[in-house]
């Protein structure tokens, strides 16, 4: 029972990490504004 719960928790953590990686990759494609452009 506890092992099943742990497995579910690890899978959820892994999914969050994947989502975070995807998010960071996407925002990394957008060039940042220079102070002059702001």
N, C-alpha and C. Protein backbone atom coordinates (compact mmCIF):
# COMPACT_ATOMS: atom_id res chain seq x y z
N UNK A 1 0.83 -1.20 0.00
CA UNK A 1 0.00 0.00 0.00
C UNK A 1 0.87 1.26 0.00
N UNK A 2 1.83 1.33 0.90
CA UNK A 2 2.69 2.52 0.98
C UNK A 2 3.55 2.65 -0.27
N UNK A 3 3.99 1.52 -0.81
CA UNK A 3 4.83 1.56 -2.02
C UNK A 3 4.03 2.12 -3.20
N UNK A 4 2.75 1.75 -3.28
CA UNK A 4 1.90 2.25 -4.35
C UNK A 4 1.72 3.77 -4.23
N UNK A 5 1.53 4.23 -3.01
CA UNK A 5 1.38 5.66 -2.76
C UNK A 5 2.66 6.41 -3.13
N UNK A 6 3.80 5.85 -2.76
CA UNK A 6 5.09 6.45 -3.08
C UNK A 6 5.29 6.51 -4.59
N UNK A 7 4.92 5.43 -5.27
CA UNK A 7 5.07 5.37 -6.73
C UNK A 7 4.23 6.47 -7.39
N UNK A 8 3.00 6.64 -6.90
CA UNK A 8 2.13 7.68 -7.46
C UNK A 8 2.72 9.07 -7.22
N UNK A 9 3.28 9.29 -6.03
CA UNK A 9 3.87 10.58 -5.71
C UNK A 9 5.07 10.85 -6.62
N UNK A 10 5.90 9.85 -6.84
CA UNK A 10 7.08 10.02 -7.70
C UNK A 10 6.67 10.31 -9.14
N UNK A 11 5.63 9.65 -9.62
CA UNK A 11 5.15 9.91 -10.98
C UNK A 11 4.63 11.34 -11.11
N UNK A 12 3.91 11.81 -10.10
CA UNK A 12 3.39 13.18 -10.13
C UNK A 12 4.54 14.18 -10.11
N UNK A 13 5.56 13.93 -9.31
CA UNK A 13 6.72 14.83 -9.25
C UNK A 13 7.42 14.85 -10.60
N UNK A 14 7.54 13.69 -11.23
CA UNK A 14 8.20 13.60 -12.52
C UNK A 14 7.43 14.39 -13.58
N UNK A 15 6.11 14.31 -13.55
CA UNK A 15 5.28 15.05 -14.50
C UNK A 15 5.45 16.55 -14.30
N UNK A 16 5.53 16.99 -13.06
CA UNK A 16 5.72 18.42 -12.79
C UNK A 16 7.07 18.88 -13.32
N UNK A 17 8.11 18.07 -13.10
CA UNK A 17 9.44 18.43 -13.59
C UNK A 17 9.44 18.55 -15.11
N UNK A 18 8.75 17.64 -15.78
CA UNK A 18 8.68 17.68 -17.24
C UNK A 18 7.97 18.95 -17.69
N UNK A 19 6.90 19.30 -17.01
CA UNK A 19 6.17 20.52 -17.34
C UNK A 19 7.03 21.75 -17.13
N UNK A 20 7.80 21.76 -16.05
CA UNK A 20 8.68 22.89 -15.77
C UNK A 20 9.76 23.00 -16.84
N UNK A 21 10.33 21.87 -17.21
CA UNK A 21 11.36 21.88 -18.26
C UNK A 21 10.79 22.43 -19.57
N UNK A 22 9.59 22.00 -19.92
CA UNK A 22 8.94 22.48 -21.15
C UNK A 22 8.71 23.99 -21.08
N UNK A 23 8.24 24.45 -19.93
CA UNK A 23 7.98 25.88 -19.74
C UNK A 23 9.28 26.68 -19.88
N UNK A 24 10.33 26.23 -19.21
CA UNK A 24 11.61 26.95 -19.28
C UNK A 24 12.17 26.96 -20.69
N UNK A 25 12.00 25.86 -21.40
CA UNK A 25 12.48 25.78 -22.78
C UNK A 25 11.72 26.79 -23.66
N UNK A 26 10.40 26.88 -23.46
CA UNK A 26 9.59 27.80 -24.25
C UNK A 26 9.94 29.25 -23.96
N UNK A 27 10.05 29.62 -22.68
CA UNK A 27 10.34 31.03 -22.39
C UNK A 27 11.77 31.39 -22.78
N UNK A 28 12.64 30.39 -22.88
CA UNK A 28 14.01 30.64 -23.31
C UNK A 28 14.10 31.03 -24.78
N UNK A 29 13.06 30.74 -25.55
CA UNK A 29 13.04 31.09 -26.97
C UNK A 29 12.73 32.56 -27.20
N UNK A 30 12.14 33.20 -26.21
CA UNK A 30 11.72 34.60 -26.36
C UNK A 30 12.89 35.50 -25.98
N UNK A 31 13.34 36.34 -26.90
CA UNK A 31 14.45 37.24 -26.57
C UNK A 31 14.03 38.27 -25.53
N UNK A 32 14.92 38.55 -24.61
CA UNK A 32 14.64 39.55 -23.58
C UNK A 32 14.81 40.94 -24.16
N UNK A 33 14.05 41.88 -23.60
CA UNK A 33 14.17 43.27 -24.03
C UNK A 33 15.43 43.89 -23.43
N UNK A 34 16.04 44.75 -24.21
CA UNK A 34 17.17 45.52 -23.69
C UNK A 34 16.59 46.73 -22.95
N UNK A 35 17.36 47.40 -22.11
CA UNK A 35 16.84 48.59 -21.42
C UNK A 35 16.31 49.64 -22.40
N UNK A 36 16.92 49.77 -23.56
CA UNK A 36 16.46 50.75 -24.55
C UNK A 36 15.08 50.38 -25.10
N UNK A 37 14.82 49.09 -25.25
CA UNK A 37 13.54 48.64 -25.81
C UNK A 37 12.41 48.78 -24.79
N UNK A 38 12.74 48.74 -23.51
CA UNK A 38 11.70 48.91 -22.48
C UNK A 38 11.25 50.33 -22.51
